[in-house]
Amino acid sequence: MIVMTIDRAGLADFLRRSRNRVRPHDVGLPAGSRRRTPGLRREEVAQLAGMSADYYIRLEQSRGPHPSAEMLAALARALRLSDDERDHLHLLAGRRPPAGRTAGDHVSPGLLHLLDQLPATPVQILSDLGDVLAQNAMAEALLGGVCTVSEHGRNIVWRWFADPAQRTAYPVEEHDYYSRLHVADLRASSARRAGDPAATRLVERLRQASEEFRALWELHEVAVRRAARMRVLHPLIGPVDLDCQVLLAPEGDQRVILCTPPVGGDTAERLALLKVVGTGQFTRTR
């Protein structure tokens, strides 16, 4: 377990430099003619953050108390910190940064461009809850296209537990493994979202729809999906072994899933065949 400790000297230096970067007019204060520095005074930061001047001064002198998450949030607002600067402030104070902005369902043009630049590699973009947000033509040919269907219909966890037909594409002996993997990953994502309506709604619907999901959910297993070997039983090209690498977008709630051929197998040849004969079997959606 990583023990987070306060870096008093680093915190004091960051607060001083951040205070000096904020101009009075940025926060609605008069510039005045008797300022020795272009930034804010310590007392002004304290007033904007809703704390005593003595409390803030002690923080800048590396002798203050351990500030709470609420106090750090107030300082971040007072100093007009960016999300990255806010997170840095929390880490210096020995606190975990709060959850940042999320990308939601919007996939950036850069990620969509990446999909098109890998025509021979199945690539999907998923939300952290398992919603398929985008996929390239090879992924659609191998796994099917589900990006434009209803909210939970495009969710790989929902489809796994609510639609038995989805499991026919995977070896029976691996079904239990995938079930536990889906649930453990969803458990981690729903905890990070802390009461998010979309996560709560998905979990509740799964609990109602699947006895298997309910039993696995009660185990409280947690495991973020990062990399795994997967076998797909494709009707045109037969069994396909893939190494799946998970790349996280900066916002953290989207994942790029790259499925590449293992070294030494015949997956690359099978995918090349699928590219020729299989991409027309599915309608491209995005």
C-alpha atoms as a PDB file:
ATOM      1  CA  MET A   1       0.000   0.000   0.000  1.00  0.00           C
ATOM      2  CA  ILE A   2       1.326   3.449  -0.954  1.00  0.00           C
ATOM      3  CA  VAL A   3       1.253   5.828   2.014  1.00  0.00           C
ATOM      4  CA  MET A   4       0.647   9.407   0.889  1.00  0.00           C
ATOM      5  CA  THR A   5       2.435  12.063   2.932  1.00  0.00           C
ATOM      6  CA  ILE A   6       2.360  15.825   2.771  1.00  0.00           C
ATOM      7  CA  ASP A   7       5.266  17.569   1.035  1.00  0.00           C
ATOM      8  CA  ARG A   8       5.234  20.755   3.098  1.00  0.00           C
ATOM      9  CA  ALA A   9       8.090  22.472   1.284  1.00  0.00           C
ATOM     10  CA  GLY A  10       6.691  21.589  -2.150  1.00  0.00           C
ATOM     11  CA  LEU A  11       3.194  22.657  -1.125  1.00  0.00           C
ATOM     12  CA  ALA A  12       4.441  25.986   0.210  1.00  0.00           C
ATOM     13  CA  ASP A  13       6.438  26.703  -2.947  1.00  0.00           C
ATOM     14  CA  PHE A  14       3.548  25.763  -5.250  1.00  0.00           C
ATOM     15  CA  LEU A  15       1.103  27.963  -3.311  1.00  0.00           C
ATOM     16  CA  ARG A  16       3.476  30.957  -3.423  1.00  0.00           C
ATOM     17  CA  ARG A  17       4.141  30.630  -7.133  1.00  0.00           C
ATOM     18  CA  SER A  18       0.481  30.018  -7.956  1.00  0.00           C
ATOM     19  CA  ARG A  19      -0.529  33.077  -5.904  1.00  0.00           C
ATOM     20  CA  ASN A  20       1.992  35.227  -7.763  1.00  0.00           C
ATOM     21  CA  ARG A  21       0.592  34.132 -11.133  1.00  0.00           C
ATOM     22  CA  VAL A  22      -2.971  35.303 -10.384  1.00  0.00           C
ATOM     23  CA  ARG A  23      -3.616  38.967 -11.177  1.00  0.00           C
ATOM     24  CA  PRO A  24      -6.047  40.845  -8.922  1.00  0.00           C
ATOM     25  CA  HIS A  25      -8.354  41.669 -11.810  1.00  0.00           C
ATOM     26  CA  ASP A  26      -8.608  37.906 -12.559  1.00  0.00           C
ATOM     27  CA  VAL A  27     -10.574  37.486  -9.318  1.00  0.00           C
ATOM     28  CA  GLY A  28     -12.394  40.817  -9.296  1.00  0.00           C
ATOM     29  CA  LEU A  29     -10.013  42.695  -6.973  1.00  0.00           C
ATOM     30  CA  PRO A  30      -8.608  46.184  -7.621  1.00  0.00           C
ATOM     31  CA  ALA A  31      -4.949  46.226  -8.605  1.00  0.00           C
ATOM     32  CA  GLY A  32      -4.083  49.207  -6.417  1.00  0.00           C
ATOM     33  CA  SER A  33      -0.861  51.177  -6.534  1.00  0.00           C
ATOM     34  CA  ARG A  34       0.931  49.853  -3.433  1.00  0.00           C
ATOM     35  CA  ARG A  35       1.442  46.207  -4.432  1.00  0.00           C
ATOM     36  CA  ARG A  36       4.997  44.925  -4.255  1.00  0.00           C
ATOM     37  CA  THR A  37       4.186  41.929  -6.499  1.00  0.00           C
ATOM     38  CA  PRO A  38       1.805  41.565  -9.443  1.00  0.00           C
ATOM     39  CA  GLY A  39      -0.002  38.630  -7.849  1.00  0.00           C
ATOM     40  CA  LEU A  40      -2.381  38.231  -4.938  1.00  0.00           C
ATOM     41  CA  ARG A  41      -1.596  38.933  -1.312  1.00  0.00           C
ATOM     42  CA  ARG A  42      -1.739  36.056   1.150  1.00  0.00           C
ATOM     43  CA  GLU A  43      -4.700  37.635   2.921  1.00  0.00           C
ATOM     44  CA  GLU A  44      -6.564  37.883  -0.374  1.00  0.00           C
ATOM     45  CA  VAL A  45      -6.069  34.191  -1.142  1.00  0.00           C
ATOM     46  CA  ALA A  46      -7.298  33.325   2.347  1.00  0.00           C
ATOM     47  CA  GLN A  47     -10.381  35.498   1.904  1.00  0.00           C
ATOM     48  CA  LEU A  48     -11.176  33.998  -1.514  1.00  0.00           C
ATOM     49  CA  ALA A  49     -10.757  30.471  -0.129  1.00  0.00           C
ATOM     50  CA  GLY A  50     -12.849  31.140   2.984  1.00  0.00           C
ATOM     51  CA  MET A  51     -10.097  30.438   5.530  1.00  0.00           C
ATOM     52  CA  SER A  52      -8.210  32.485   8.087  1.00  0.00           C
ATOM     53  CA  ALA A  53      -5.170  34.431   6.946  1.00  0.00           C
ATOM     54  CA  ASP A  54      -3.098  32.782   9.702  1.00  0.00           C
ATOM     55  CA  TYR A  55      -4.024  29.293   8.392  1.00  0.00           C
ATOM     56  CA  TYR A  56      -2.959  30.147   4.846  1.00  0.00           C
ATOM     57  CA  ILE A  57       0.238  31.907   5.921  1.00  0.00           C
ATOM     58  CA  ARG A  58       1.318  28.835   7.864  1.00  0.00           C
ATOM     59  CA  LEU A  59       0.796  26.701   4.733  1.00  0.00           C
ATOM     60  CA  GLU A  60       3.119  28.993   2.769  1.00  0.00           C
ATOM     61  CA  GLN A  61       5.666  28.831   5.591  1.00  0.00           C
ATOM     62  CA  SER A  62       5.799  25.002   5.485  1.00  0.00           C
ATOM     63  CA  ARG A  63       4.415  24.688   8.996  1.00  0.00           C
ATOM     64  CA  GLY A  64       0.702  24.459   8.467  1.00  0.00           C
ATOM     65  CA  PRO A  65      -1.658  21.613   9.335  1.00  0.00           C
ATOM     66  CA  HIS A  66      -2.640  18.833   6.946  1.00  0.00           C
ATOM     67  CA  PRO A  67      -5.305  20.555   4.788  1.00  0.00           C
ATOM     68  CA  SER A  68      -8.551  18.720   4.142  1.00  0.00           C
ATOM     69  CA  ALA A  69      -9.829  17.866   0.672  1.00  0.00           C
ATOM     70  CA  GLU A  70     -12.457  20.617   1.061  1.00  0.00           C
ATOM     71  CA  MET A  71      -9.787  23.172   1.942  1.00  0.00           C
ATOM     72  CA  LEU A  72      -7.691  22.145  -1.044  1.00  0.00           C
ATOM     73  CA  ALA A  73     -10.689  22.474  -3.349  1.00  0.00           C
ATOM     74  CA  ALA A  74     -11.265  26.000  -2.023  1.00  0.00           C
ATOM     75  CA  LEU A  75      -7.615  26.918  -2.605  1.00  0.00           C
ATOM     76  CA  ALA A  76      -7.754  25.515  -6.150  1.00  0.00           C
ATOM     77  CA  ARG A  77     -10.739  27.730  -6.918  1.00  0.00           C
ATOM     78  CA  ALA A  78      -9.191  30.800  -5.295  1.00  0.00           C
ATOM     79  CA  LEU A  79      -5.933  30.375  -7.222  1.00  0.00           C
ATOM     80  CA  ARG A  80      -7.713  29.581 -10.510  1.00  0.00           C
ATOM     81  CA  LEU A  81      -5.836  26.306 -10.897  1.00  0.00           C
ATOM     82  CA  SER A  82      -6.268  24.084 -13.927  1.00  0.00           C
ATOM     83  CA  ASP A  83      -7.333  20.461 -13.439  1.00  0.00           C
ATOM     84  CA  ASP A  84      -3.712  19.310 -13.651  1.00  0.00           C
ATOM     85  CA  GLU A  85      -2.589  21.966 -11.181  1.00  0.00           C
ATOM     86  CA  ARG A  86      -5.456  21.070  -8.838  1.00  0.00           C
ATOM     87  CA  ASP A  87      -4.401  17.411  -8.899  1.00  0.00           C
ATOM     88  CA  HIS A  88      -0.793  18.433  -8.226  1.00  0.00           C
ATOM     89  CA  LEU A  89      -1.935  20.517  -5.245  1.00  0.00           C
ATOM     90  CA  HIS A  90      -3.749  17.508  -3.774  1.00  0.00           C
ATOM     91  CA  LEU A  91      -0.741  15.229  -4.245  1.00  0.00           C
ATOM     92  CA  LEU A  92       1.613  17.727  -2.581  1.00  0.00           C
ATOM     93  CA  ALA A  93      -0.816  17.875   0.340  1.00  0.00           C
ATOM     94  CA  GLY A  94      -0.834  14.086   0.655  1.00  0.00           C
ATOM     95  CA  ARG A  95      -4.356  13.685  -0.707  1.00  0.00           C
ATOM     96  CA  ARG A  96      -5.696  11.732  -3.650  1.00  0.00           C
ATOM     97  CA  PRO A  97      -6.886  14.043  -6.424  1.00  0.00           C
ATOM     98  CA  PRO A  98     -10.642  14.249  -6.957  1.00  0.00           C
ATOM     99  CA  ALA A  99     -12.281  12.723  -9.997  1.00  0.00           C
ATOM    100  CA  GLY A 100     -11.696  14.953 -12.999  1.00  0.00           C
ATOM    101  CA  ARG A 101     -13.736  15.739 -16.077  1.00  0.00           C
ATOM    102  CA  THR A 102     -14.858  12.802 -18.175  1.00  0.00           C
ATOM    103  CA  ALA A 103     -15.100  12.460 -21.937  1.00  0.00           C
ATOM    104  CA  GLY A 104     -18.475  10.707 -21.787  1.00  0.00           C
ATOM    105  CA  ASP A 105     -19.699   9.338 -25.107  1.00  0.00           C
ATOM    106  CA  HIS A 106     -17.761  11.836 -27.219  1.00  0.00           C
ATOM    107  CA  VAL A 107     -14.809  10.257 -29.005  1.00  0.00           C
ATOM    108  CA  SER A 108     -12.151  12.744 -30.042  1.00  0.00           C
ATOM    109  CA  PRO A 109     -11.246  13.123 -33.736  1.00  0.00           C
ATOM    110  CA  GLY A 110      -7.710  12.016 -32.876  1.00  0.00           C
ATOM    111  CA  LEU A 111      -8.891   8.666 -31.534  1.00  0.00           C
ATOM    112  CA  LEU A 112     -11.200   8.157 -34.511  1.00  0.00           C
ATOM    113  CA  HIS A 113      -8.246   8.888 -36.793  1.00  0.00           C
ATOM    114  CA  LEU A 114      -6.252   6.231 -34.928  1.00  0.00           C
ATOM    115  CA  LEU A 115      -8.928   3.644 -35.708  1.00  0.00           C
ATOM    116  CA  ASP A 116      -8.684   4.342 -39.418  1.00  0.00           C
ATOM    117  CA  GLN A 117      -4.874   4.156 -39.379  1.00  0.00           C
ATOM    118  CA  LEU A 118      -4.936   0.540 -38.175  1.00  0.00           C
ATOM    119  CA  PRO A 119      -6.999  -1.214 -40.864  1.00  0.00           C
ATOM    120  CA  ALA A 120      -5.462  -4.646 -40.227  1.00  0.00           C
ATOM    121  CA  THR A 121      -5.867  -4.521 -36.430  1.00  0.00           C
ATOM    122  CA  PRO A 122      -9.190  -4.838 -34.576  1.00  0.00           C
ATOM    123  CA  VAL A 123      -9.529  -1.686 -32.451  1.00  0.00           C
ATOM    124  CA  GLN A 124     -12.402  -0.588 -30.234  1.00  0.00           C
ATOM    125  CA  ILE A 125     -12.980   2.421 -28.016  1.00  0.00           C
ATOM    126  CA  LEU A 126     -14.974   1.566 -24.900  1.00  0.00           C
ATOM    127  CA  SER A 127     -16.183   3.567 -21.957  1.00  0.00           C
ATOM    128  CA  ASP A 128     -15.010   2.462 -18.525  1.00  0.00           C
ATOM    129  CA  LEU A 129     -18.486   0.946 -18.021  1.00  0.00           C
ATOM    130  CA  GLY A 130     -18.137  -1.193 -21.174  1.00  0.00           C
ATOM    131  CA  ASP A 131     -20.091   0.857 -23.735  1.00  0.00           C
ATOM    132  CA  VAL A 132     -18.734   0.400 -27.272  1.00  0.00           C
ATOM    133  CA  LEU A 133     -18.271   3.990 -28.474  1.00  0.00           C
ATOM    134  CA  ALA A 134     -16.395   3.363 -31.734  1.00  0.00           C
ATOM    135  CA  GLN A 135     -14.641   0.577 -33.618  1.00  0.00           C
ATOM    136  CA  ASN A 136     -12.836   0.193 -36.904  1.00  0.00           C
ATOM    137  CA  ALA A 137     -13.947  -2.020 -39.764  1.00  0.00           C
ATOM    138  CA  MET A 138     -11.757  -4.933 -38.682  1.00  0.00           C
ATOM    139  CA  ALA A 139     -13.228  -4.922 -35.175  1.00  0.00           C
ATOM    140  CA  GLU A 140     -16.735  -4.882 -36.642  1.00  0.00           C
ATOM    141  CA  ALA A 141     -15.897  -7.798 -38.930  1.00  0.00           C
ATOM    142  CA  LEU A 142     -14.445  -9.809 -36.051  1.00  0.00           C
ATOM    143  CA  LEU A 143     -16.754  -8.832 -33.190  1.00  0.00           C
ATOM    144  CA  GLY A 144     -19.831  -7.287 -34.837  1.00  0.00           C
ATOM    145  CA  GLY A 145     -20.979  -3.666 -34.875  1.00  0.00           C
ATOM    146  CA  VAL A 146     -22.965  -2.412 -31.873  1.00  0.00           C
ATOM    147  CA  CYS A 147     -22.109   1.288 -31.613  1.00  0.00           C
ATOM    148  CA  THR A 148     -25.479   2.704 -32.618  1.00  0.00           C
ATOM    149  CA  VAL A 149     -27.871   0.527 -30.627  1.00  0.00           C
ATOM    150  CA  SER A 150     -29.612   1.425 -27.364  1.00  0.00           C
ATOM    151  CA  GLU A 151     -27.796   2.492 -24.189  1.00  0.00           C
ATOM    152  CA  HIS A 152     -27.301  -0.919 -22.630  1.00  0.00           C
ATOM    153  CA  GLY A 153     -27.468  -2.813 -25.925  1.00  0.00           C
ATOM    154  CA  ARG A 154     -24.032  -1.463 -26.844  1.00  0.00           C
ATOM    155  CA  ASN A 155     -22.611  -2.401 -23.450  1.00  0.00           C
ATOM    156  CA  ILE A 156     -20.402  -5.480 -23.505  1.00  0.00           C
ATOM    157  CA  VAL A 157     -21.169  -6.389 -19.873  1.00  0.00           C
ATOM    158  CA  TRP A 158     -24.931  -6.163 -20.419  1.00  0.00           C
ATOM    159  CA  ARG A 159     -24.734  -8.205 -23.622  1.00  0.00           C
ATOM    160  CA  TRP A 160     -22.584 -10.845 -21.928  1.00  0.00           C
ATOM    161  CA  PHE A 161     -25.037 -11.457 -19.092  1.00  0.00           C
ATOM    162  CA  ALA A 162     -28.373 -10.604 -20.751  1.00  0.00           C
ATOM    163  CA  ASP A 163     -27.922 -12.135 -24.213  1.00  0.00           C
ATOM    164  CA  PRO A 164     -26.684 -15.754 -24.164  1.00  0.00           C
ATOM    165  CA  ALA A 165     -26.029 -15.632 -27.912  1.00  0.00           C
ATOM    166  CA  GLN A 166     -23.074 -13.318 -27.273  1.00  0.00           C
ATOM    167  CA  ARG A 167     -21.171 -16.107 -25.552  1.00  0.00           C
ATOM    168  CA  THR A 168     -21.156 -18.389 -28.582  1.00  0.00           C
ATOM    169  CA  ALA A 169     -18.210 -16.431 -29.974  1.00  0.00           C
ATOM    170  CA  TYR A 170     -16.012 -17.554 -27.068  1.00  0.00           C
ATOM    171  CA  PRO A 171     -14.907 -21.020 -25.867  1.00  0.00           C
ATOM    172  CA  VAL A 172     -17.253 -22.479 -23.253  1.00  0.00           C
ATOM    173  CA  GLU A 173     -14.389 -23.258 -20.884  1.00  0.00           C
ATOM    174  CA  GLU A 174     -13.529 -19.533 -20.751  1.00  0.00           C
ATOM    175  CA  HIS A 175     -17.041 -18.232 -19.978  1.00  0.00           C
ATOM    176  CA  ASP A 176     -16.543 -18.193 -16.213  1.00  0.00           C
ATOM    177  CA  TYR A 177     -13.284 -16.286 -16.626  1.00  0.00           C
ATOM    178  CA  TYR A 178     -14.898 -13.610 -18.786  1.00  0.00           C
ATOM    179  CA  SER A 179     -17.864 -13.309 -16.411  1.00  0.00           C
ATOM    180  CA  ARG A 180     -15.591 -12.620 -13.450  1.00  0.00           C
ATOM    181  CA  LEU A 181     -13.442 -10.264 -15.527  1.00  0.00           C
ATOM    182  CA  HIS A 182     -16.468  -8.211 -16.608  1.00  0.00           C
ATOM    183  CA  VAL A 183     -17.877  -7.941 -13.095  1.00  0.00           C
ATOM    184  CA  ALA A 184     -14.571  -7.125 -11.393  1.00  0.00           C
ATOM    185  CA  ASP A 185     -13.814  -4.394 -13.926  1.00  0.00           C
ATOM    186  CA  LEU A 186     -17.315  -2.924 -13.640  1.00  0.00           C
ATOM    187  CA  ARG A 187     -16.990  -2.959  -9.841  1.00  0.00           C
ATOM    188  CA  ALA A 188     -13.803  -0.874 -10.080  1.00  0.00           C
ATOM    189  CA  SER A 189     -15.352   1.584 -12.549  1.00  0.00           C
ATOM    190  CA  SER A 190     -18.570   2.071 -10.571  1.00  0.00           C
ATOM    191  CA  ALA A 191     -16.545   2.740  -7.408  1.00  0.00           C
ATOM    192  CA  ARG A 192     -14.456   5.390  -9.191  1.00  0.00           C
ATOM    193  CA  ARG A 193     -17.646   7.046 -10.432  1.00  0.00           C
ATOM    194  CA  ALA A 194     -19.047   7.130  -6.866  1.00  0.00           C
ATOM    195  CA  GLY A 195     -22.805   7.200  -7.352  1.00  0.00           C
ATOM    196  CA  ASP A 196     -22.854   8.141 -11.035  1.00  0.00           C
ATOM    197  CA  PRO A 197     -26.417   7.566 -12.359  1.00  0.00           C
ATOM    198  CA  ALA A 198     -25.292   5.683 -15.487  1.00  0.00           C
ATOM    199  CA  ALA A 199     -23.183   3.247 -13.456  1.00  0.00           C
ATOM    200  CA  THR A 200     -25.915   2.771 -10.852  1.00  0.00           C
ATOM    201  CA  ARG A 201     -28.535   2.151 -13.528  1.00  0.00           C
ATOM    202  CA  LEU A 202     -26.386  -0.394 -15.363  1.00  0.00           C
ATOM    203  CA  VAL A 203     -25.526  -2.353 -12.203  1.00  0.00           C
ATOM    204  CA  GLU A 204     -29.150  -2.415 -11.052  1.00  0.00           C
ATOM    205  CA  ARG A 205     -30.413  -3.636 -14.417  1.00  0.00           C
ATOM    206  CA  LEU A 206     -27.760  -6.351 -14.465  1.00  0.00           C
ATOM    207  CA  ARG A 207     -28.672  -7.451 -10.942  1.00  0.00           C
ATOM    208  CA  GLN A 208     -32.291  -7.770 -12.003  1.00  0.00           C
ATOM    209  CA  ALA A 209     -31.549  -9.538 -15.292  1.00  0.00           C
ATOM    210  CA  SER A 210     -28.891 -12.078 -14.305  1.00  0.00           C
ATOM    211  CA  GLU A 211     -28.600 -14.387 -11.320  1.00  0.00           C
ATOM    212  CA  GLU A 212     -25.002 -15.089 -12.336  1.00  0.00           C
ATOM    213  CA  PHE A 213     -24.177 -11.381 -12.250  1.00  0.00           C
ATOM    214  CA  ARG A 214     -25.806 -10.986  -8.821  1.00  0.00           C
ATOM    215  CA  ALA A 215     -23.741 -13.827  -7.393  1.00  0.00           C
ATOM    216  CA  LEU A 216     -20.473 -12.483  -8.815  1.00  0.00           C
ATOM    217  CA  TRP A 217     -21.282  -8.916  -7.753  1.00  0.00           C
ATOM    218  CA  GLU A 218     -21.706 -10.089  -4.161  1.00  0.00           C
ATOM    219  CA  LEU A 219     -18.131 -11.444  -4.198  1.00  0.00           C
ATOM    220  CA  HIS A 220     -16.882  -7.826  -4.448  1.00  0.00           C
ATOM    221  CA  GLU A 221     -13.939  -8.742  -6.661  1.00  0.00           C
ATOM    222  CA  VAL A 222     -12.085  -5.774  -8.173  1.00  0.00           C
ATOM    223  CA  ALA A 223      -9.710  -5.927 -11.144  1.00  0.00           C
ATOM    224  CA  VAL A 224      -9.221  -3.201 -13.728  1.00  0.00           C
ATOM    225  CA  ARG A 225      -8.868  -4.647 -17.212  1.00  0.00           C
ATOM    226  CA  ARG A 226      -5.450  -3.883 -18.668  1.00  0.00           C
ATOM    227  CA  ALA A 227      -4.202  -6.698 -20.905  1.00  0.00           C
ATOM    228  CA  ALA A 228      -5.355 -10.212 -21.659  1.00  0.00           C
ATOM    229  CA  ARG A 229      -5.249 -13.057 -24.192  1.00  0.00           C
ATOM    230  CA  MET A 230      -8.600 -13.630 -25.920  1.00  0.00           C
ATOM    231  CA  ARG A 231      -9.880 -16.344 -28.270  1.00  0.00           C
ATOM    232  CA  VAL A 232     -12.720 -15.548 -30.657  1.00  0.00           C
ATOM    233  CA  LEU A 233     -14.612 -18.321 -32.490  1.00  0.00           C
ATOM    234  CA  HIS A 234     -15.382 -16.605 -35.776  1.00  0.00           C
ATOM    235  CA  PRO A 235     -17.840 -18.247 -38.209  1.00  0.00           C
ATOM    236  CA  LEU A 236     -15.761 -17.380 -41.293  1.00  0.00           C
ATOM    237  CA  ILE A 237     -12.130 -17.829 -40.265  1.00  0.00           C
ATOM    238  CA  GLY A 238     -12.409 -20.122 -37.243  1.00  0.00           C
ATOM    239  CA  PRO A 239     -10.681 -19.661 -33.860  1.00  0.00           C
ATOM    240  CA  VAL A 240      -8.619 -16.484 -33.553  1.00  0.00           C
ATOM    241  CA  ASP A 241      -6.187 -15.869 -30.685  1.00  0.00           C
ATOM    242  CA  LEU A 242      -5.545 -12.225 -29.839  1.00  0.00           C
ATOM    243  CA  ASP A 243      -3.448 -10.249 -27.384  1.00  0.00           C
ATOM    244  CA  CYS A 244      -5.613  -7.379 -26.141  1.00  0.00           C
ATOM    245  CA  GLN A 245      -3.854  -4.289 -24.847  1.00  0.00           C
ATOM    246  CA  VAL A 246      -5.851  -1.593 -23.043  1.00  0.00           C
ATOM    247  CA  LEU A 247      -4.754   2.027 -23.482  1.00  0.00           C
ATOM    248  CA  LEU A 248      -6.409   4.729 -21.365  1.00  0.00           C
ATOM    249  CA  ALA A 249      -7.438   8.099 -22.752  1.00  0.00           C
ATOM    250  CA  PRO A 250      -6.288  11.059 -20.592  1.00  0.00           C
ATOM    251  CA  GLU A 251      -9.764  11.558 -19.120  1.00  0.00           C
ATOM    252  CA  GLY A 252      -9.711   8.008 -17.779  1.00  0.00           C
ATOM    253  CA  ASP A 253     -13.271   7.024 -18.668  1.00  0.00           C
ATOM    254  CA  GLN A 254     -12.446   5.826 -22.197  1.00  0.00           C
ATOM    255  CA  ARG A 255     -10.264   2.909 -23.245  1.00  0.00           C
ATOM    256  CA  VAL A 256      -8.665   2.030 -26.555  1.00  0.00           C
ATOM    257  CA  ILE A 257      -8.584  -1.750 -26.965  1.00  0.00           C
ATOM    258  CA  LEU A 258      -5.931  -2.974 -29.422  1.00  0.00           C
ATOM    259  CA  CYS A 259      -6.220  -6.637 -30.429  1.00  0.00           C
ATOM    260  CA  THR A 260      -2.980  -7.842 -31.985  1.00  0.00           C
ATOM    261  CA  PRO A 261      -1.822 -11.271 -33.231  1.00  0.00           C
ATOM    262  CA  PRO A 262       0.372 -13.230 -30.797  1.00  0.00           C
ATOM    263  CA  VAL A 263       3.918 -13.872 -31.976  1.00  0.00           C
ATOM    264  CA  GLY A 264       4.349 -17.193 -33.748  1.00  0.00           C
ATOM    265  CA  GLY A 265       0.687 -17.965 -34.493  1.00  0.00           C
ATOM    266  CA  ASP A 266      -1.433 -17.770 -37.618  1.00  0.00           C
ATOM    267  CA  THR A 267      -3.752 -15.013 -36.380  1.00  0.00           C
ATOM    268  CA  ALA A 268      -2.243 -12.411 -38.721  1.00  0.00           C
ATOM    269  CA  GLU A 269      -3.025 -14.594 -41.746  1.00  0.00           C
ATOM    270  CA  ARG A 270      -6.570 -15.222 -40.495  1.00  0.00           C
ATOM    271  CA  LEU A 271      -7.179 -11.503 -39.972  1.00  0.00           C
ATOM    272  CA  ALA A 272      -5.846 -10.780 -43.455  1.00  0.00           C
ATOM    273  CA  LEU A 273      -8.373 -13.274 -44.819  1.00  0.00           C
ATOM    274  CA  LEU A 274     -11.148 -11.690 -42.766  1.00  0.00           C
ATOM    275  CA  LYS A 275     -10.242  -8.282 -44.141  1.00  0.00           C
ATOM    276  CA  VAL A 276     -10.843  -9.605 -47.650  1.00  0.00           C
ATOM    277  CA  VAL A 277     -13.978 -11.692 -47.128  1.00  0.00           C
ATOM    278  CA  GLY A 278     -15.494 -10.570 -43.863  1.00  0.00           C
ATOM    279  CA  THR A 279     -15.749  -6.790 -43.629  1.00  0.00           C
ATOM    280  CA  GLY A 280     -18.806  -6.807 -45.860  1.00  0.00           C
ATOM    281  CA  GLN A 281     -20.682  -9.069 -43.441  1.00  0.00           C
ATOM    282  CA  PHE A 282     -21.409  -6.202 -41.016  1.00  0.00           C
ATOM    283  CA  THR A 283     -22.722  -2.702 -41.489  1.00  0.00           C
ATOM    284  CA  ARG A 284     -20.193  -0.108 -40.449  1.00  0.00           C
ATOM    285  CA  THR A 285     -21.422   2.115 -37.634  1.00  0.00           C
ATOM    286  CA  ARG A 286     -19.862   4.915 -35.723  1.00  0.00           C
END
